[in-house]
Amino acid sequence: YLRKTTDGLLALLQLLAPIVTSEDPTLGRHMCQAGFGERTLFALPWILTWFIHSLDRDLETSYRLVDFFLSSHPLMSVYLSVALLLWGREAALDRIADFGELHTLFTALPRGGGSGAAPPWDSLIGMAVDLFQLYQPARVFCAGKVSTGDKLLFMLSDGF
């Protein structure tokens, strides 16, 4: 992620919306109506820090996620981000399709999204692996749902 520009990272963030929409069209439409799409910057700290910045000193979960990311595909943080959004589906759909409203919810999802219940991280890890199998990055890029000229990013998406 340490590059001269943020183009590669922004391309990673572009993967979120098409995968969410493919997996849950209702949630995808709701996010689109709120002005999301390629504007998924709420997930930036999730991807950059493997969620650790967003977990408020929950060391046990942080260690679990680091283990998972070290032993998986380099883009797996994107898929765990999608799994977390799908987990927060009901809370998102209960809110109006407003950018600020949903942005606030999404940034709080790693801590439970205001529900008081911590996300079921082990289940979300399993969901992320399943999503990766269904929507492999190379296919999402090649399908034209995400545009990027970043060769390194495309090579990362092709395998590991």
C-alpha atoms as a PDB file:
ATOM      1  CA  TYR A   1       0.000   0.000   0.000  1.00  0.00           C
ATOM      2  CA  LEU A   2       2.982   2.311   0.391  1.00  0.00           C
ATOM      3  CA  ARG A   3       3.104   3.802  -3.064  1.00  0.00           C
ATOM      4  CA  LYS A   4       3.732   7.256  -4.509  1.00  0.00           C
ATOM      5  CA  THR A   5       0.011   7.753  -5.106  1.00  0.00           C
ATOM      6  CA  THR A   6      -3.156   6.311  -3.636  1.00  0.00           C
ATOM      7  CA  ASP A   7      -4.435   5.078  -7.013  1.00  0.00           C
ATOM      8  CA  GLY A   8      -3.932   1.399  -6.170  1.00  0.00           C
ATOM      9  CA  LEU A   9      -5.628   1.743  -2.805  1.00  0.00           C
ATOM     10  CA  LEU A  10      -8.541   3.614  -4.337  1.00  0.00           C
ATOM     11  CA  ALA A  11      -8.902   0.811  -6.890  1.00  0.00           C
ATOM     12  CA  LEU A  12      -9.128  -1.673  -4.012  1.00  0.00           C
ATOM     13  CA  LEU A  13     -11.912   0.367  -2.470  1.00  0.00           C
ATOM     14  CA  GLN A  14     -13.733   0.219  -5.814  1.00  0.00           C
ATOM     15  CA  LEU A  15     -14.050  -3.543  -5.375  1.00  0.00           C
ATOM     16  CA  LEU A  16     -16.450  -3.143  -2.441  1.00  0.00           C
ATOM     17  CA  ALA A  17     -19.547  -1.808  -4.224  1.00  0.00           C
ATOM     18  CA  PRO A  18     -19.711  -4.342  -7.086  1.00  0.00           C
ATOM     19  CA  ILE A  19     -19.196  -7.275  -4.732  1.00  0.00           C
ATOM     20  CA  VAL A  20     -21.805  -5.997  -2.246  1.00  0.00           C
ATOM     21  CA  THR A  21     -24.254  -5.382  -5.111  1.00  0.00           C
ATOM     22  CA  SER A  22     -23.649  -8.823  -6.603  1.00  0.00           C
ATOM     23  CA  GLU A  23     -24.145 -10.522  -3.239  1.00  0.00           C
ATOM     24  CA  ASP A  24     -27.007  -8.352  -1.957  1.00  0.00           C
ATOM     25  CA  PRO A  25     -28.647  -6.179  -4.645  1.00  0.00           C
ATOM     26  CA  THR A  26     -30.955  -4.501  -2.111  1.00  0.00           C
ATOM     27  CA  LEU A  27     -28.067  -3.323   0.066  1.00  0.00           C
ATOM     28  CA  GLY A  28     -26.094  -2.340  -3.025  1.00  0.00           C
ATOM     29  CA  ARG A  29     -28.970  -0.182  -4.316  1.00  0.00           C
ATOM     30  CA  HIS A  30     -29.423   1.411  -0.891  1.00  0.00           C
ATOM     31  CA  MET A  31     -25.730   2.300  -0.744  1.00  0.00           C
ATOM     32  CA  CYS A  32     -25.857   3.647  -4.308  1.00  0.00           C
ATOM     33  CA  GLN A  33     -28.913   5.785  -3.531  1.00  0.00           C
ATOM     34  CA  ALA A  34     -27.006   7.235  -0.583  1.00  0.00           C
ATOM     35  CA  GLY A  35     -24.171   8.288  -2.872  1.00  0.00           C
ATOM     36  CA  PHE A  36     -21.764   5.465  -2.274  1.00  0.00           C
ATOM     37  CA  GLY A  37     -20.417   3.557  -5.214  1.00  0.00           C
ATOM     38  CA  GLU A  38     -16.776   4.320  -5.637  1.00  0.00           C
ATOM     39  CA  ARG A  39     -16.901   6.569  -2.553  1.00  0.00           C
ATOM     40  CA  THR A  40     -16.188   3.883   0.023  1.00  0.00           C
ATOM     41  CA  LEU A  41     -13.545   5.757   1.978  1.00  0.00           C
ATOM     42  CA  PHE A  42     -15.136   4.588   5.247  1.00  0.00           C
ATOM     43  CA  ALA A  43     -13.337   1.275   4.591  1.00  0.00           C
ATOM     44  CA  LEU A  44      -9.923   2.879   4.153  1.00  0.00           C
ATOM     45  CA  PRO A  45      -8.752   2.242   7.750  1.00  0.00           C
ATOM     46  CA  TRP A  46     -10.144  -1.279   7.588  1.00  0.00           C
ATOM     47  CA  ILE A  47      -8.005  -2.149   4.591  1.00  0.00           C
ATOM     48  CA  LEU A  48      -4.919  -0.133   5.530  1.00  0.00           C
ATOM     49  CA  THR A  49      -4.701  -1.377   9.116  1.00  0.00           C
ATOM     50  CA  TRP A  50      -6.416  -4.746   8.803  1.00  0.00           C
ATOM     51  CA  PHE A  51      -9.246  -3.384  10.991  1.00  0.00           C
ATOM     52  CA  ILE A  52      -6.965  -2.906  13.999  1.00  0.00           C
ATOM     53  CA  HIS A  53      -7.361   0.878  14.003  1.00  0.00           C
ATOM     54  CA  SER A  54     -11.132   0.415  14.203  1.00  0.00           C
ATOM     55  CA  LEU A  55     -11.259  -2.169  16.996  1.00  0.00           C
ATOM     56  CA  ASP A  56     -10.566   0.074  20.008  1.00  0.00           C
ATOM     57  CA  ARG A  57      -7.907  -2.046  21.692  1.00  0.00           C
ATOM     58  CA  ASP A  58      -9.690  -5.369  21.289  1.00  0.00           C
ATOM     59  CA  LEU A  59      -6.421  -7.292  21.250  1.00  0.00           C
ATOM     60  CA  GLU A  60      -7.897 -10.776  20.977  1.00  0.00           C
ATOM     61  CA  THR A  61      -9.812  -9.902  17.808  1.00  0.00           C
ATOM     62  CA  SER A  62      -6.854  -7.919  16.476  1.00  0.00           C
ATOM     63  CA  TYR A  63      -4.545 -10.919  16.868  1.00  0.00           C
ATOM     64  CA  ARG A  64      -7.124 -13.192  15.226  1.00  0.00           C
ATOM     65  CA  LEU A  65      -7.464 -10.871  12.235  1.00  0.00           C
ATOM     66  CA  VAL A  66      -3.697 -10.455  11.826  1.00  0.00           C
ATOM     67  CA  ASP A  67      -3.328 -14.259  11.792  1.00  0.00           C
ATOM     68  CA  PHE A  68      -6.057 -14.496   9.178  1.00  0.00           C
ATOM     69  CA  PHE A  69      -4.617 -11.792   6.923  1.00  0.00           C
ATOM     70  CA  LEU A  70      -1.058 -13.132   7.158  1.00  0.00           C
ATOM     71  CA  SER A  71      -2.247 -16.564   6.065  1.00  0.00           C
ATOM     72  CA  SER A  72      -4.572 -15.483   3.261  1.00  0.00           C
ATOM     73  CA  HIS A  73      -4.613 -13.664  -0.059  1.00  0.00           C
ATOM     74  CA  PRO A  74      -3.212 -10.100   0.033  1.00  0.00           C
ATOM     75  CA  LEU A  75      -6.609  -8.641  -0.895  1.00  0.00           C
ATOM     76  CA  MET A  76      -8.564 -10.532   1.784  1.00  0.00           C
ATOM     77  CA  SER A  77      -9.117  -7.335   3.803  1.00  0.00           C
ATOM     78  CA  VAL A  78     -11.360  -6.166   0.966  1.00  0.00           C
ATOM     79  CA  TYR A  79     -13.471  -9.316   1.260  1.00  0.00           C
ATOM     80  CA  LEU A  80     -13.694  -9.075   5.031  1.00  0.00           C
ATOM     81  CA  SER A  81     -14.848  -5.477   4.532  1.00  0.00           C
ATOM     82  CA  VAL A  82     -17.636  -6.723   2.261  1.00  0.00           C
ATOM     83  CA  ALA A  83     -18.572  -9.423   4.792  1.00  0.00           C
ATOM     84  CA  LEU A  84     -18.783  -6.770   7.520  1.00  0.00           C
ATOM     85  CA  LEU A  85     -21.036  -4.597   5.345  1.00  0.00           C
ATOM     86  CA  LEU A  86     -23.291  -7.587   4.670  1.00  0.00           C
ATOM     87  CA  TRP A  87     -23.396  -8.283   8.414  1.00  0.00           C
ATOM     88  CA  GLY A  88     -24.546  -4.694   8.984  1.00  0.00           C
ATOM     89  CA  ARG A  89     -27.211  -4.997   6.281  1.00  0.00           C
ATOM     90  CA  GLU A  90     -30.293  -4.677   8.492  1.00  0.00           C
ATOM     91  CA  ALA A  91     -28.945  -1.640  10.332  1.00  0.00           C
ATOM     92  CA  ALA A  92     -28.122  -0.001   6.994  1.00  0.00           C
ATOM     93  CA  LEU A  93     -31.523  -0.722   5.462  1.00  0.00           C
ATOM     94  CA  ASP A  94     -33.253   0.605   8.601  1.00  0.00           C
ATOM     95  CA  ARG A  95     -31.678   3.997   7.915  1.00  0.00           C
ATOM     96  CA  ILE A  96     -32.613   6.419   5.190  1.00  0.00           C
ATOM     97  CA  ALA A  97     -30.390   6.360   2.110  1.00  0.00           C
ATOM     98  CA  ASP A  98     -28.318   9.299   3.317  1.00  0.00           C
ATOM     99  CA  PHE A  99     -24.544   9.420   2.809  1.00  0.00           C
ATOM    100  CA  GLY A 100     -23.760  10.874   6.240  1.00  0.00           C
ATOM    101  CA  GLU A 101     -26.111   8.533   8.058  1.00  0.00           C
ATOM    102  CA  LEU A 102     -24.711   5.398   6.422  1.00  0.00           C
ATOM    103  CA  HIS A 103     -21.118   6.604   6.617  1.00  0.00           C
ATOM    104  CA  THR A 104     -21.492   6.984  10.389  1.00  0.00           C
ATOM    105  CA  LEU A 105     -22.968   3.500  10.664  1.00  0.00           C
ATOM    106  CA  PHE A 106     -20.330   1.888   8.453  1.00  0.00           C
ATOM    107  CA  THR A 107     -17.403   3.418  10.319  1.00  0.00           C
ATOM    108  CA  ALA A 108     -18.851   2.005  13.564  1.00  0.00           C
ATOM    109  CA  LEU A 109     -19.497  -1.520  12.236  1.00  0.00           C
ATOM    110  CA  PRO A 110     -16.199  -3.031  13.467  1.00  0.00           C
ATOM    111  CA  ARG A 111     -17.296  -2.088  16.992  1.00  0.00           C
ATOM    112  CA  GLY A 112     -20.854  -3.333  16.525  1.00  0.00           C
ATOM    113  CA  GLY A 113     -22.374  -0.448  14.606  1.00  0.00           C
ATOM    114  CA  GLY A 114     -24.123   0.970  17.648  1.00  0.00           C
ATOM    115  CA  SER A 115     -25.991  -2.285  18.255  1.00  0.00           C
ATOM    116  CA  GLY A 116     -23.847  -3.154  21.252  1.00  0.00           C
ATOM    117  CA  ALA A 117     -23.141  -6.586  19.805  1.00  0.00           C
ATOM    118  CA  ALA A 118     -19.633  -7.221  18.531  1.00  0.00           C
ATOM    119  CA  PRO A 119     -19.432  -8.560  14.997  1.00  0.00           C
ATOM    120  CA  PRO A 120     -19.084 -12.360  14.797  1.00  0.00           C
ATOM    121  CA  TRP A 121     -15.540 -12.164  13.443  1.00  0.00           C
ATOM    122  CA  ASP A 122     -15.025 -15.906  12.951  1.00  0.00           C
ATOM    123  CA  SER A 123     -18.240 -16.125  10.927  1.00  0.00           C
ATOM    124  CA  LEU A 124     -17.252 -13.029   8.956  1.00  0.00           C
ATOM    125  CA  ILE A 125     -13.856 -14.580   8.193  1.00  0.00           C
ATOM    126  CA  GLY A 126     -15.642 -17.643   6.798  1.00  0.00           C
ATOM    127  CA  MET A 127     -17.932 -15.392   4.772  1.00  0.00           C
ATOM    128  CA  ALA A 128     -14.923 -13.458   3.422  1.00  0.00           C
ATOM    129  CA  VAL A 129     -13.304 -16.674   2.224  1.00  0.00           C
ATOM    130  CA  ASP A 130     -16.565 -17.697   0.528  1.00  0.00           C
ATOM    131  CA  LEU A 131     -16.894 -14.266  -1.097  1.00  0.00           C
ATOM    132  CA  PHE A 132     -13.313 -14.500  -2.341  1.00  0.00           C
ATOM    133  CA  GLN A 133     -14.118 -17.817  -4.037  1.00  0.00           C
ATOM    134  CA  LEU A 134     -17.278 -16.408  -5.637  1.00  0.00           C
ATOM    135  CA  TYR A 135     -15.907 -13.014  -6.668  1.00  0.00           C
ATOM    136  CA  GLN A 136     -12.212 -13.448  -7.287  1.00  0.00           C
ATOM    137  CA  PRO A 137     -10.503 -10.101  -7.822  1.00  0.00           C
ATOM    138  CA  ALA A 138      -9.273 -10.853 -11.354  1.00  0.00           C
ATOM    139  CA  ARG A 139     -12.850 -11.600 -12.428  1.00  0.00           C
ATOM    140  CA  VAL A 140     -14.185  -8.407 -10.851  1.00  0.00           C
ATOM    141  CA  PHE A 141     -11.456  -6.366 -12.562  1.00  0.00           C
ATOM    142  CA  CYS A 142     -11.892  -8.146 -15.919  1.00  0.00           C
ATOM    143  CA  ALA A 143     -15.666  -7.852 -15.815  1.00  0.00           C
ATOM    144  CA  GLY A 144     -15.151  -4.121 -16.130  1.00  0.00           C
ATOM    145  CA  LYS A 145     -16.801  -3.426 -12.801  1.00  0.00           C
ATOM    146  CA  VAL A 146     -13.581  -1.822 -11.604  1.00  0.00           C
ATOM    147  CA  SER A 147     -11.174   0.110 -13.737  1.00  0.00           C
ATOM    148  CA  THR A 148      -7.521   0.358 -12.872  1.00  0.00           C
ATOM    149  CA  GLY A 149      -4.287   0.721 -14.745  1.00  0.00           C
ATOM    150  CA  ASP A 150      -2.305  -0.460 -11.751  1.00  0.00           C
ATOM    151  CA  LYS A 151      -0.371  -3.523 -12.957  1.00  0.00           C
ATOM    152  CA  LEU A 152       0.762  -4.538  -9.463  1.00  0.00           C
ATOM    153  CA  LEU A 153      -2.812  -4.507  -8.213  1.00  0.00           C
ATOM    154  CA  PHE A 154      -3.972  -6.638 -11.119  1.00  0.00           C
ATOM    155  CA  MET A 155      -1.132  -9.104 -10.546  1.00  0.00           C
ATOM    156  CA  LEU A 156      -2.104  -9.342  -6.876  1.00  0.00           C
ATOM    157  CA  SER A 157      -5.650 -10.077  -7.896  1.00  0.00           C
ATOM    158  CA  ASP A 158      -4.599 -12.975 -10.099  1.00  0.00           C
ATOM    159  CA  GLY A 159      -3.386 -15.275  -7.393  1.00  0.00           C
ATOM    160  CA  PHE A 160      -1.095 -15.830  -4.527  1.00  0.00           C
END
